[in-house]
C-alpha cells in the first residue's frame, strides 16, 4: 500500500461454506484486484484484494480452522465504514456469538476452541473482554485450557499480558507453559511493539509474521493445526458450525 500508516479493521470470522469465493464476489463490486500469497517460509496462505488505498486480507487460521478477514486502509473512517459494510453483506460470527459459545462450552476441547475463536474474532487493538476471557482461562485446572490461553494472547499482543505470564510461570504445574512459549524474552512483549494496543501498524505485511510466531507457539504448547475434512491444510475454506457455533437468523456485534 502506498502509505506508511495503516489502520486495521476488526477481524471478522466467516461462517461462509466457500469464504474465498464469497469474498471474490464482494470485492468485485469495487473492482479490487486479487493477489494470492501461497503458504511458505512459515507464513500462512493469504489472499489480498486491493484497491487504491484499501486492502481486504483473508486467511484461514491453522489452529481453529476458521477463515477470517479484515480491512486495512490509511483512513480510519474508511476502515470503519468498509468493515461495517462487509459485516452486513457477509455471513460472519458476531462477537456476542463467540462469547456465548465460550460460556456454554463444556468439554475441554470445546472450551479450548471457543477461547481461541474469541481471541481470533477480536480487534487488532487491546480488548478488555478478550483479556478477561484469557485471564480466566489461565486459571483453569486443565492444562490444555491454560495452553490455549497462552496461545490466544498472540492474536492481539499486548504488554498487559506480561504480568499474567509471569504469574503462570511460577504456579503452572504442567511444565510452565509461559516459559515454553516464550523462551528467554517475552513473545507478547516483542509483538506488542507492533501496535501498542492501538490497532495501527507501520506495515500491513507484518501481520503475516505474527501468524508465523503464533504457529511456532502452537507447536510449543502442543496445539495441533486444524485440517478441515476434504480440504488441503492451506485451503481457502472453513466449516459451518465450528465447535458449538451454529448459524443464527439475527446477529449483533
Protein backbone atom coordinates (compact mmCIF):
# COMPACT_ATOMS: atom_id res chain seq x y z
CA UNK A 1 0.00 0.00 0.00
CA UNK A 2 1.35 3.48 -0.86
CA UNK A 3 1.34 4.84 2.70
CA UNK A 4 3.20 4.05 5.90
CA UNK A 5 0.40 4.35 8.47
CA UNK A 6 -2.14 1.55 8.20
CA UNK A 7 -5.38 1.17 10.15
CA UNK A 8 -6.71 -2.35 10.72
CA UNK A 9 -10.41 -3.10 10.97
CA UNK A 10 -11.94 -5.80 13.15
CA UNK A 11 -11.07 -9.39 12.34
CA UNK A 12 -14.33 -10.87 11.05
CA UNK A 13 -14.64 -14.66 11.34
CA UNK A 14 -16.60 -16.15 8.46
CA UNK A 15 -19.43 -18.67 8.60
CA UNK A 16 -19.47 -19.00 4.78
CA UNK A 17 -19.05 -22.52 3.36
CA UNK A 18 -16.95 -21.13 0.47
CA UNK A 19 -15.47 -17.97 2.00
CA UNK A 20 -12.91 -17.12 -0.65
CA UNK A 21 -15.47 -17.30 -3.46
CA UNK A 22 -17.84 -15.17 -1.43
CA UNK A 23 -15.13 -12.57 -0.91
CA UNK A 24 -14.40 -12.68 -4.65
CA UNK A 25 -18.00 -11.63 -5.26
CA UNK A 26 -17.97 -8.97 -2.56
CA UNK A 27 -14.74 -7.30 -3.72
CA UNK A 28 -15.77 -7.50 -7.40
CA UNK A 29 -18.32 -4.78 -6.64
CA UNK A 30 -15.42 -2.39 -6.04
CA UNK A 31 -13.17 -3.61 -8.84
CA UNK A 32 -10.41 -4.61 -6.43
CA UNK A 33 -7.51 -6.71 -7.71
CA UNK A 34 -6.77 -10.10 -6.19
CA UNK A 35 -3.36 -11.46 -5.21
CA UNK A 36 -2.66 -14.87 -3.66
CA UNK A 37 0.37 -15.45 -1.43
CA UNK A 38 0.97 -19.22 -1.04
CA UNK A 39 1.96 -20.75 2.26
CA UNK A 40 5.73 -20.58 2.56
CA UNK A 41 8.57 -19.68 4.93
CA UNK A 42 6.38 -20.23 7.97
CA UNK A 43 3.61 -17.90 6.77
CA UNK A 44 0.03 -18.98 6.18
CA UNK A 45 -1.58 -18.73 2.77
CA UNK A 46 -3.05 -15.26 2.39
CA UNK A 47 -5.36 -13.73 -0.20
CA UNK A 48 -5.40 -9.94 -0.60
CA UNK A 49 -7.89 -7.88 -2.60
CA UNK A 50 -6.70 -4.30 -3.05
CA UNK A 51 -7.98 -1.01 -4.40
CA UNK A 52 -6.46 2.46 -4.48
CA UNK A 53 -5.86 2.84 -0.74
CA UNK A 54 -7.55 -0.21 0.79
CA UNK A 55 -6.88 -3.91 1.20
CA UNK A 56 -9.05 -6.81 2.30
CA UNK A 57 -6.83 -9.54 3.75
CA UNK A 58 -8.11 -13.12 4.05
CA UNK A 59 -6.50 -16.02 5.95
CA UNK A 60 -7.62 -19.41 7.24
CA UNK A 61 -6.41 -19.77 10.82
CA UNK A 62 -4.46 -23.00 11.06
CA UNK A 63 -5.32 -23.86 14.68
CA UNK A 64 -9.08 -23.15 14.76
CA UNK A 65 -9.60 -23.87 11.05
CA UNK A 66 -11.72 -20.72 10.86
CA UNK A 67 -11.50 -18.38 7.84
CA UNK A 68 -11.30 -14.70 8.71
CA UNK A 69 -10.57 -11.36 7.08
CA UNK A 70 -10.03 -7.71 7.91
CA UNK A 71 -9.79 -4.39 6.13
CA UNK A 72 -6.67 -2.22 6.10
CA UNK A 73 -6.58 1.36 4.85
CA UNK A 74 -4.86 4.65 5.54
CA UNK A 75 -8.09 6.39 6.59
CA UNK A 76 -9.76 5.29 9.82
CA UNK A 77 -13.26 6.36 8.77
CA UNK A 78 -12.97 4.33 5.56
CA UNK A 79 -11.75 1.35 7.55
CA UNK A 80 -14.78 1.52 9.84
CA UNK A 81 -17.33 2.00 7.06
CA UNK A 82 -15.92 -0.78 4.86
CA UNK A 83 -15.76 -3.17 7.82
CA UNK A 84 -19.37 -2.37 8.66
CA UNK A 85 -20.41 -2.91 5.05
CA UNK A 86 -18.63 -6.26 4.86
CA UNK A 87 -20.14 -7.32 8.17
CA UNK A 88 -23.61 -6.64 6.82
CA UNK A 89 -23.08 -8.31 3.44
CA UNK A 90 -21.23 -11.45 4.56
CA UNK A 91 -22.17 -14.24 6.95
CA UNK A 92 -19.89 -13.65 9.92
CA UNK A 93 -19.91 -14.66 13.56
CA UNK A 94 -20.71 -11.79 15.88
CA UNK A 95 -18.65 -11.11 18.99
CA UNK A 96 -21.69 -11.99 21.08
CA UNK A 97 -21.97 -15.40 19.42
CA UNK A 98 -18.30 -16.13 20.09
CA UNK A 99 -18.59 -15.21 23.76
CA UNK A 100 -21.87 -17.13 24.09
CA UNK A 101 -20.16 -20.22 22.66
CA UNK A 102 -17.34 -19.84 25.19
CA UNK A 103 -19.79 -19.52 28.06
CA UNK A 104 -21.80 -22.57 27.01
CA UNK A 105 -18.84 -24.84 26.13
CA UNK A 106 -18.48 -27.78 28.49
CA UNK A 107 -15.82 -30.19 27.23
CA UNK A 108 -12.14 -29.25 27.36
CA UNK A 109 -11.87 -29.43 23.56
CA UNK A 110 -14.87 -27.15 23.04
CA UNK A 111 -13.73 -24.68 25.70
CA UNK A 112 -10.26 -24.51 24.19
CA UNK A 113 -11.63 -23.96 20.70
CA UNK A 114 -14.18 -21.38 21.85
CA UNK A 115 -11.48 -19.40 23.67
CA UNK A 116 -9.29 -19.30 20.55
CA UNK A 117 -12.28 -18.20 18.48
CA UNK A 118 -12.99 -15.35 20.90
CA UNK A 119 -9.38 -14.17 20.60
CA UNK A 120 -9.31 -14.60 16.83
CA UNK A 121 -12.58 -12.68 16.44
CA UNK A 122 -11.33 -9.72 18.44
CA UNK A 123 -9.89 -6.44 17.26
CA UNK A 124 -6.27 -5.69 16.41
CA UNK A 125 -6.21 -3.36 19.40
CA UNK A 126 -6.46 -4.34 23.06
CA UNK A 127 -9.91 -5.62 24.05
CA UNK A 128 -10.82 -5.78 27.73
CA UNK A 129 -13.41 -8.55 27.29
CA UNK A 130 -10.97 -10.78 25.40
CA UNK A 131 -8.32 -10.04 28.01
CA UNK A 132 -10.65 -11.13 30.81
CA UNK A 133 -11.56 -14.35 28.97
CA UNK A 134 -7.88 -15.21 28.58
CA UNK A 135 -7.07 -14.24 32.17
CA UNK A 136 -9.83 -16.52 33.45
CA UNK A 137 -8.65 -19.39 31.24
CA UNK A 138 -5.12 -19.10 32.61
CA UNK A 139 -6.53 -20.13 35.99
CA UNK A 140 -8.31 -23.22 34.64
CA UNK A 141 -7.34 -26.55 36.23
CA UNK A 142 -6.98 -28.19 32.79
CA UNK A 143 -3.53 -27.83 31.21
CA UNK A 144 -4.99 -27.74 27.67
CA UNK A 145 -7.09 -24.69 28.54
CA UNK A 146 -4.08 -22.88 30.00
CA UNK A 147 -2.03 -23.71 26.90
CA UNK A 148 -4.77 -22.32 24.67
CA UNK A 149 -4.91 -19.15 26.79
CA UNK A 150 -1.19 -18.53 26.29
CA UNK A 151 -1.53 -19.08 22.55
CA UNK A 152 -4.62 -16.84 22.36
CA UNK A 153 -2.55 -13.88 23.53
CA UNK A 154 -0.75 -13.89 20.19
CA UNK A 155 -3.84 -12.90 18.20
CA UNK A 156 -3.71 -9.40 19.71
CA UNK A 157 -0.40 -8.98 21.54
CA UNK A 158 -0.24 -6.58 24.47
CA UNK A 159 2.10 -5.79 27.33
CA UNK A 160 -0.94 -6.23 29.59
CA UNK A 161 -0.37 -9.99 29.35
CA UNK A 162 3.16 -9.88 30.79
CA UNK A 163 2.13 -9.99 34.48
CA UNK A 164 -0.20 -12.91 33.75
CA UNK A 165 2.61 -14.84 32.08
CA UNK A 166 4.95 -14.13 34.96
CA UNK A 167 2.40 -15.49 37.41
CA UNK A 168 1.79 -18.54 35.23
CA UNK A 169 5.49 -19.40 35.15
CA UNK A 170 5.56 -19.52 38.92
CA UNK A 171 2.47 -21.62 39.56
CA UNK A 172 1.81 -23.78 36.47
CA UNK A 173 2.28 -27.44 37.49
CA UNK A 174 2.25 -28.71 33.88
CA UNK A 175 5.61 -27.67 32.53
CA UNK A 176 5.30 -23.87 32.96
CA UNK A 177 3.61 -23.11 29.66
CA UNK A 178 4.51 -19.45 29.72
CA UNK A 179 8.21 -20.33 29.70
CA UNK A 180 7.76 -22.91 26.94
CA UNK A 181 6.01 -20.45 24.65
CA UNK A 182 8.32 -17.57 25.47
CA UNK A 183 11.91 -18.83 25.78
CA UNK A 184 14.12 -16.08 27.15
CA UNK A 185 12.24 -12.97 26.07
CA UNK A 186 8.50 -12.41 26.18
CA UNK A 187 6.89 -13.14 22.82
CA UNK A 188 3.93 -11.00 23.86
CA UNK A 189 6.21 -8.12 24.81
CA UNK A 190 8.03 -8.32 21.49
CA UNK A 191 4.81 -8.43 19.47
CA UNK A 192 3.29 -5.57 21.44
CA UNK A 193 5.72 -3.28 19.65
CA UNK A 194 3.60 -3.91 16.53
CA UNK A 195 0.56 -1.88 17.53
CA UNK A 196 0.97 -0.78 21.13
CA UNK A 197 -2.68 -1.70 21.64
CA UNK A 198 -3.84 0.93 19.14
CA UNK A 199 -4.69 -1.23 16.13
CA UNK A 200 -2.22 0.70 13.96
CA UNK A 201 0.92 -0.78 12.40
CA UNK A 202 3.67 0.54 10.16
CA UNK A 203 3.36 -2.21 7.60
CA UNK A 204 0.37 -4.41 6.78
CA UNK A 205 2.65 -7.21 5.61
CA UNK A 206 3.99 -7.66 9.15
CA UNK A 207 0.67 -9.29 10.02
CA UNK A 208 1.91 -12.45 8.33
CA UNK A 209 4.95 -12.60 10.60
CA UNK A 210 2.61 -12.78 13.59
CA UNK A 211 0.94 -15.82 12.03
CA UNK A 212 4.39 -17.40 11.91
CA UNK A 213 5.04 -16.66 15.59
CA UNK A 214 1.61 -17.99 16.59
CA UNK A 215 2.32 -21.20 14.67
CA UNK A 216 5.61 -21.68 16.50
CA UNK A 217 3.83 -21.02 19.78
CA UNK A 218 1.15 -23.56 18.88
CA UNK A 219 3.84 -26.17 18.33
CA UNK A 220 5.46 -25.38 21.68
CA UNK A 221 2.24 -25.65 23.68
CA UNK A 222 1.01 -28.69 21.78
CA UNK A 223 -1.88 -27.16 19.81
CA UNK A 224 -2.46 -29.05 16.58
CA UNK A 225 -3.07 -27.41 13.24
CA UNK A 226 -6.64 -27.80 12.04
CA UNK A 227 -7.25 -29.52 8.71
CA UNK A 228 -10.90 -29.24 7.57
CA UNK A 229 -12.23 -32.51 6.21
CA UNK A 230 -11.67 -32.86 2.49
CA UNK A 231 -9.52 -29.73 2.26
CA UNK A 232 -5.84 -29.04 1.98
CA UNK A 233 -4.17 -27.63 5.06
CA UNK A 234 -3.64 -24.26 3.37
CA UNK A 235 -7.00 -24.22 1.60
CA UNK A 236 -9.43 -21.34 1.47
CA UNK A 237 -12.48 -22.70 3.23
CA UNK A 238 -13.84 -23.38 6.68
CA UNK A 239 -16.63 -25.43 8.16
CA UNK A 240 -20.04 -24.28 9.28
CA UNK A 241 -20.93 -24.69 12.91
CA UNK A 242 -17.38 -24.70 14.26
CA UNK A 243 -17.37 -26.39 17.68
CA UNK A 244 -20.71 -25.29 19.04
CA UNK A 245 -21.20 -22.23 16.83
CA UNK A 246 -24.36 -22.51 14.78
CA UNK A 247 -25.96 -20.30 12.12
CA UNK A 248 -28.41 -17.79 13.56
CA UNK A 249 -31.05 -15.70 11.89
CA UNK A 250 -30.01 -12.50 13.67
CA UNK A 251 -26.53 -11.43 14.71
CA UNK A 252 -25.42 -8.44 16.73
CA UNK A 253 -21.95 -7.10 17.24
